[in-house]
N, C-alpha and C. Protein backbone atom coordinates (compact mmCIF):
# COMPACT_ATOMS: atom_id res chain seq x y z
N MET A 1 163.95 16.00 181.56
CA MET A 1 163.32 17.17 182.09
C MET A 1 162.09 17.43 181.32
N SER A 2 161.00 17.66 181.99
CA SER A 2 159.71 17.93 181.35
C SER A 2 159.54 19.29 180.77
N LYS A 3 158.78 19.37 179.71
CA LYS A 3 158.69 20.66 179.00
C LYS A 3 157.76 21.62 179.92
N TYR A 4 156.87 21.12 180.68
CA TYR A 4 155.98 21.88 181.53
C TYR A 4 156.12 21.41 183.02
N PRO A 5 157.16 21.78 183.70
CA PRO A 5 157.37 21.25 185.08
C PRO A 5 156.22 21.68 186.00
N LEU A 6 155.94 20.85 187.00
CA LEU A 6 154.95 21.19 188.05
C LEU A 6 155.61 22.19 189.08
N VAL A 7 155.02 23.24 189.29
CA VAL A 7 155.56 24.31 190.16
C VAL A 7 154.67 24.30 191.40
N SER A 8 155.16 24.17 192.53
CA SER A 8 154.43 24.25 193.80
C SER A 8 154.59 25.63 194.51
N THR A 9 153.51 26.07 194.97
CA THR A 9 153.61 27.44 195.63
C THR A 9 153.24 27.20 197.11
N SER A 10 153.77 27.98 197.98
CA SER A 10 153.47 27.84 199.36
C SER A 10 152.29 28.65 199.78
N LYS A 11 151.73 29.50 198.92
CA LYS A 11 150.56 30.31 199.23
C LYS A 11 149.26 29.44 199.14
N ARG A 12 148.53 29.47 200.17
CA ARG A 12 147.30 28.67 200.19
C ARG A 12 146.14 29.64 200.41
N ALA A 13 145.19 29.54 199.58
CA ALA A 13 143.96 30.36 199.67
C ALA A 13 143.04 29.74 200.73
N ALA A 14 142.47 30.61 201.52
CA ALA A 14 141.46 30.10 202.49
C ALA A 14 140.21 29.76 201.79
N VAL A 15 139.70 28.55 202.16
CA VAL A 15 138.42 28.04 201.57
C VAL A 15 137.29 28.10 202.63
N ARG A 16 136.26 28.70 202.26
CA ARG A 16 135.18 28.86 203.22
C ARG A 16 133.89 28.36 202.51
N LYS A 17 132.97 27.88 203.36
CA LYS A 17 131.70 27.41 202.82
C LYS A 17 130.85 28.61 202.51
N ALA A 18 130.18 28.52 201.39
CA ALA A 18 129.33 29.55 200.90
C ALA A 18 127.89 29.42 201.46
N GLU A 19 127.33 30.46 201.82
CA GLU A 19 125.97 30.52 202.38
C GLU A 19 125.03 30.34 201.13
N PRO A 20 123.85 29.69 201.25
CA PRO A 20 122.96 29.59 200.13
C PRO A 20 122.50 30.88 199.61
N ARG A 21 122.40 31.91 200.38
CA ARG A 21 122.02 33.23 199.84
C ARG A 21 123.14 33.97 199.06
N ASP A 22 124.37 33.51 199.32
CA ASP A 22 125.49 34.05 198.65
C ASP A 22 125.69 33.50 197.29
N VAL A 23 125.07 32.45 196.90
CA VAL A 23 125.28 31.73 195.64
C VAL A 23 124.18 32.29 194.68
N GLU A 24 124.60 32.72 193.52
CA GLU A 24 123.73 33.28 192.44
C GLU A 24 123.58 32.27 191.38
N VAL A 25 122.42 31.80 191.23
CA VAL A 25 122.14 30.76 190.19
C VAL A 25 121.99 31.42 188.83
N ALA A 26 122.72 30.85 187.85
CA ALA A 26 122.65 31.41 186.52
C ALA A 26 121.49 30.83 185.81
N THR A 27 120.64 31.67 185.23
CA THR A 27 119.52 31.12 184.46
C THR A 27 119.96 31.00 183.03
N PRO A 28 119.42 30.01 182.33
CA PRO A 28 119.81 29.90 180.89
C PRO A 28 119.24 31.01 180.12
N ALA A 29 119.96 31.40 179.04
CA ALA A 29 119.53 32.40 178.16
C ALA A 29 118.33 31.98 177.49
N PRO A 30 117.28 32.89 177.32
CA PRO A 30 116.12 32.43 176.58
C PRO A 30 116.45 32.19 175.04
N ARG A 31 115.85 31.09 174.58
CA ARG A 31 116.12 30.77 173.17
C ARG A 31 115.17 31.59 172.33
N SER A 32 115.65 32.04 171.22
CA SER A 32 114.88 32.87 170.26
C SER A 32 114.02 31.98 169.31
N GLY A 33 114.01 30.76 169.56
CA GLY A 33 113.14 29.82 168.72
C GLY A 33 114.12 28.83 168.11
N ALA A 34 113.70 27.52 168.15
CA ALA A 34 114.44 26.49 167.55
C ALA A 34 114.36 26.48 166.10
N PHE A 35 115.42 26.12 165.48
CA PHE A 35 115.49 25.95 163.98
C PHE A 35 114.53 24.79 163.57
N PHE A 36 114.56 23.72 164.33
CA PHE A 36 113.75 22.60 163.93
C PHE A 36 113.37 21.85 165.26
N SER A 37 112.06 21.46 165.29
CA SER A 37 111.58 20.63 166.45
C SER A 37 110.50 19.81 165.88
N PHE A 38 110.23 18.64 166.56
CA PHE A 38 109.23 17.73 166.16
C PHE A 38 108.72 16.88 167.34
N ARG A 39 107.61 16.37 167.14
CA ARG A 39 106.92 15.45 168.12
C ARG A 39 106.40 14.23 167.39
N TYR A 40 106.63 13.01 167.94
CA TYR A 40 106.06 11.84 167.37
C TYR A 40 105.45 10.99 168.42
N SER A 41 104.38 10.41 168.21
CA SER A 41 103.73 9.48 169.20
C SER A 41 103.04 8.34 168.51
N TYR A 42 103.18 7.22 169.14
CA TYR A 42 102.49 6.01 168.59
C TYR A 42 101.87 5.22 169.78
N THR A 43 100.68 4.78 169.57
CA THR A 43 99.91 4.02 170.62
C THR A 43 99.17 2.82 169.94
N GLU A 44 99.38 1.73 170.52
CA GLU A 44 98.76 0.51 170.01
C GLU A 44 97.96 -0.19 171.20
N VAL A 45 96.74 -0.42 170.85
CA VAL A 45 95.88 -1.10 171.88
C VAL A 45 95.37 -2.37 171.22
N SER A 46 95.58 -3.55 171.88
CA SER A 46 95.12 -4.78 171.24
C SER A 46 94.61 -5.72 172.40
N SER A 47 93.83 -6.75 171.95
CA SER A 47 93.22 -7.65 172.82
C SER A 47 93.86 -8.98 172.56
N GLN A 48 94.35 -9.68 173.49
CA GLN A 48 95.02 -10.94 173.36
C GLN A 48 94.77 -11.80 174.58
N GLY A 49 94.24 -12.90 174.39
CA GLY A 49 93.96 -13.80 175.46
C GLY A 49 93.12 -13.26 176.57
N GLY A 50 92.11 -12.45 176.23
CA GLY A 50 91.24 -11.89 177.26
C GLY A 50 91.76 -10.62 178.01
N ARG A 51 93.06 -10.27 177.64
CA ARG A 51 93.63 -9.04 178.26
C ARG A 51 93.87 -7.98 177.21
N THR A 52 93.77 -6.75 177.74
CA THR A 52 94.08 -5.62 176.88
C THR A 52 95.45 -5.18 177.07
N ARG A 53 96.24 -5.09 175.93
CA ARG A 53 97.60 -4.77 175.95
C ARG A 53 97.72 -3.35 175.36
N VAL A 54 98.48 -2.49 175.99
CA VAL A 54 98.71 -1.13 175.56
C VAL A 54 100.19 -0.87 175.36
N LYS A 55 100.59 -0.40 174.20
CA LYS A 55 101.97 0.00 173.98
C LYS A 55 101.99 1.40 173.42
N THR A 56 102.87 2.19 173.92
CA THR A 56 103.04 3.60 173.42
C THR A 56 104.47 4.03 173.39
N LYS A 57 104.71 4.77 172.39
CA LYS A 57 106.12 5.36 172.23
C LYS A 57 105.96 6.84 171.87
N GLN A 58 106.86 7.62 172.47
CA GLN A 58 106.91 9.04 172.07
C GLN A 58 108.28 9.46 171.89
N ALA A 59 108.52 10.40 170.99
CA ALA A 59 109.87 10.97 170.71
C ALA A 59 109.64 12.44 170.44
N ARG A 60 110.54 13.34 170.92
CA ARG A 60 110.34 14.73 170.62
C ARG A 60 111.77 15.37 170.64
N LEU A 61 111.84 16.38 169.76
CA LEU A 61 113.11 17.15 169.69
C LEU A 61 112.68 18.60 169.85
N GLU A 62 113.06 19.11 171.05
CA GLU A 62 112.70 20.53 171.38
C GLU A 62 113.93 21.17 171.99
N ASP A 63 114.24 22.37 171.62
CA ASP A 63 115.32 23.21 172.02
C ASP A 63 116.71 22.38 171.96
N GLY A 64 116.78 21.61 170.94
CA GLY A 64 118.11 20.88 170.71
C GLY A 64 118.24 19.65 171.58
N LYS A 65 117.12 19.22 172.28
CA LYS A 65 117.23 18.12 173.20
C LYS A 65 116.24 16.98 172.63
N LEU A 66 116.76 15.85 172.43
CA LEU A 66 115.93 14.71 171.96
C LEU A 66 115.63 13.81 173.20
N SER A 67 114.36 13.53 173.38
CA SER A 67 113.91 12.71 174.42
C SER A 67 112.92 11.67 173.89
N THR A 68 112.97 10.47 174.43
CA THR A 68 112.00 9.41 174.03
C THR A 68 111.50 8.78 175.27
N GLU A 69 110.24 8.22 175.10
CA GLU A 69 109.63 7.51 176.27
C GLU A 69 108.93 6.26 175.60
N ALA A 70 108.79 5.25 176.38
CA ALA A 70 108.07 4.03 175.93
C ALA A 70 107.34 3.42 177.05
N PHE A 71 106.23 2.79 176.86
CA PHE A 71 105.40 2.19 177.98
C PHE A 71 104.73 1.00 177.41
N GLU A 72 104.62 -0.05 178.18
CA GLU A 72 103.83 -1.25 177.81
C GLU A 72 103.05 -1.61 179.15
N GLY A 73 101.83 -1.97 178.92
CA GLY A 73 101.05 -2.43 180.05
C GLY A 73 99.89 -3.34 179.73
N GLU A 74 99.23 -3.97 180.70
CA GLU A 74 98.14 -4.83 180.44
C GLU A 74 96.99 -4.40 181.40
N LEU A 75 95.72 -4.48 180.84
CA LEU A 75 94.51 -4.20 181.56
C LEU A 75 93.55 -5.31 181.36
N GLY A 76 92.48 -5.22 182.07
CA GLY A 76 91.47 -6.32 181.91
C GLY A 76 90.81 -6.23 180.59
N GLY A 77 90.24 -7.42 180.17
CA GLY A 77 89.68 -7.60 178.84
C GLY A 77 88.54 -6.55 178.46
N PRO A 78 87.65 -6.27 179.40
CA PRO A 78 86.53 -5.37 179.06
C PRO A 78 86.97 -3.97 178.72
N VAL A 79 88.21 -3.62 179.05
CA VAL A 79 88.74 -2.24 178.68
C VAL A 79 88.75 -2.09 177.16
N TYR A 80 89.29 -3.10 176.50
CA TYR A 80 89.40 -3.05 175.04
C TYR A 80 87.95 -2.96 174.39
N ASP A 81 87.11 -3.72 174.87
CA ASP A 81 85.73 -3.66 174.32
C ASP A 81 85.14 -2.30 174.51
N GLU A 82 85.31 -1.67 175.68
CA GLU A 82 84.66 -0.40 175.90
C GLU A 82 85.42 0.69 175.03
N LEU A 83 86.71 0.56 174.86
CA LEU A 83 87.40 1.48 174.11
C LEU A 83 86.96 1.49 172.59
N VAL A 84 86.77 0.25 172.08
CA VAL A 84 86.31 0.09 170.67
C VAL A 84 84.86 0.73 170.57
N ARG A 85 84.00 0.44 171.60
CA ARG A 85 82.63 0.97 171.55
C ARG A 85 82.69 2.51 171.53
N GLN A 86 83.50 3.09 172.36
CA GLN A 86 83.59 4.58 172.50
C GLN A 86 84.09 5.18 171.15
N THR A 87 85.13 4.49 170.57
CA THR A 87 85.72 5.01 169.31
C THR A 87 84.71 4.92 168.21
N GLN A 88 83.92 3.82 168.09
CA GLN A 88 82.94 3.67 167.08
C GLN A 88 81.84 4.73 167.26
N GLN A 89 81.42 5.01 168.44
CA GLN A 89 80.41 6.07 168.71
C GLN A 89 80.89 7.39 168.39
N HIS A 90 82.13 7.71 168.67
CA HIS A 90 82.80 8.99 168.34
C HIS A 90 82.76 9.23 166.88
N VAL A 91 83.18 8.18 166.05
CA VAL A 91 83.24 8.32 164.60
C VAL A 91 81.75 8.54 164.10
N LEU A 92 80.86 7.69 164.60
CA LEU A 92 79.45 7.82 164.11
C LEU A 92 78.93 9.22 164.45
N ASP A 93 79.22 9.84 165.58
CA ASP A 93 78.76 11.17 165.89
C ASP A 93 79.39 12.19 164.91
N GLN A 94 80.69 12.07 164.60
CA GLN A 94 81.28 13.00 163.70
C GLN A 94 80.70 12.91 162.34
N MET A 95 80.41 11.69 161.90
CA MET A 95 79.86 11.55 160.48
C MET A 95 78.42 12.07 160.50
N THR A 96 77.64 11.90 161.50
CA THR A 96 76.29 12.38 161.53
C THR A 96 76.37 13.94 161.51
N TRP A 97 77.26 14.55 162.24
CA TRP A 97 77.34 16.09 162.21
C TRP A 97 77.79 16.49 160.84
N PHE A 98 78.71 15.81 160.17
CA PHE A 98 79.19 16.27 158.87
C PHE A 98 78.09 16.04 157.79
N LEU A 99 77.32 14.97 157.90
CA LEU A 99 76.24 14.74 156.92
C LEU A 99 75.14 15.77 157.08
N ARG A 100 74.86 16.16 158.27
CA ARG A 100 73.88 17.24 158.45
C ARG A 100 74.30 18.50 157.85
N LEU A 101 75.55 18.84 157.77
CA LEU A 101 76.11 20.06 157.20
C LEU A 101 75.89 19.99 155.68
N LEU A 102 75.96 18.81 155.05
CA LEU A 102 75.84 18.62 153.68
C LEU A 102 74.39 18.57 153.16
N ARG A 103 73.53 18.30 154.03
CA ARG A 103 72.15 18.13 153.71
C ARG A 103 71.54 19.44 153.26
N ALA A 104 70.89 19.40 152.10
CA ALA A 104 70.35 20.67 151.55
C ALA A 104 69.14 21.13 152.38
N PRO A 105 69.06 22.41 152.56
CA PRO A 105 67.93 22.92 153.29
C PRO A 105 66.65 22.86 152.44
N ARG A 106 65.57 22.54 153.05
CA ARG A 106 64.33 22.33 152.31
C ARG A 106 63.52 23.67 152.31
N SER A 107 62.95 24.00 151.19
CA SER A 107 62.25 25.27 151.23
C SER A 107 60.71 25.03 151.25
């Protein structure tokens, strides 16, 4: 004999379909701020065999949820050359601006 026997009742509750307007959707309680969160991203662009290869990885921990993403792709060779040119120009522009700040005014 079982310690918890199965008991069957003859009463059956009527089941009906709920209308969409009758269903109340519970919204999650707003969080007062996470104790710890972070974001990490990594992107690598390289040229190999005349093709531009792009790899990127991202990870983040927000509201107690860890999510990661990764991507790899290939583009035409000139994309890498243009990206390097733009990066070099950006660094040069920033250095020019900084050195102008350091230049002593002439009286």
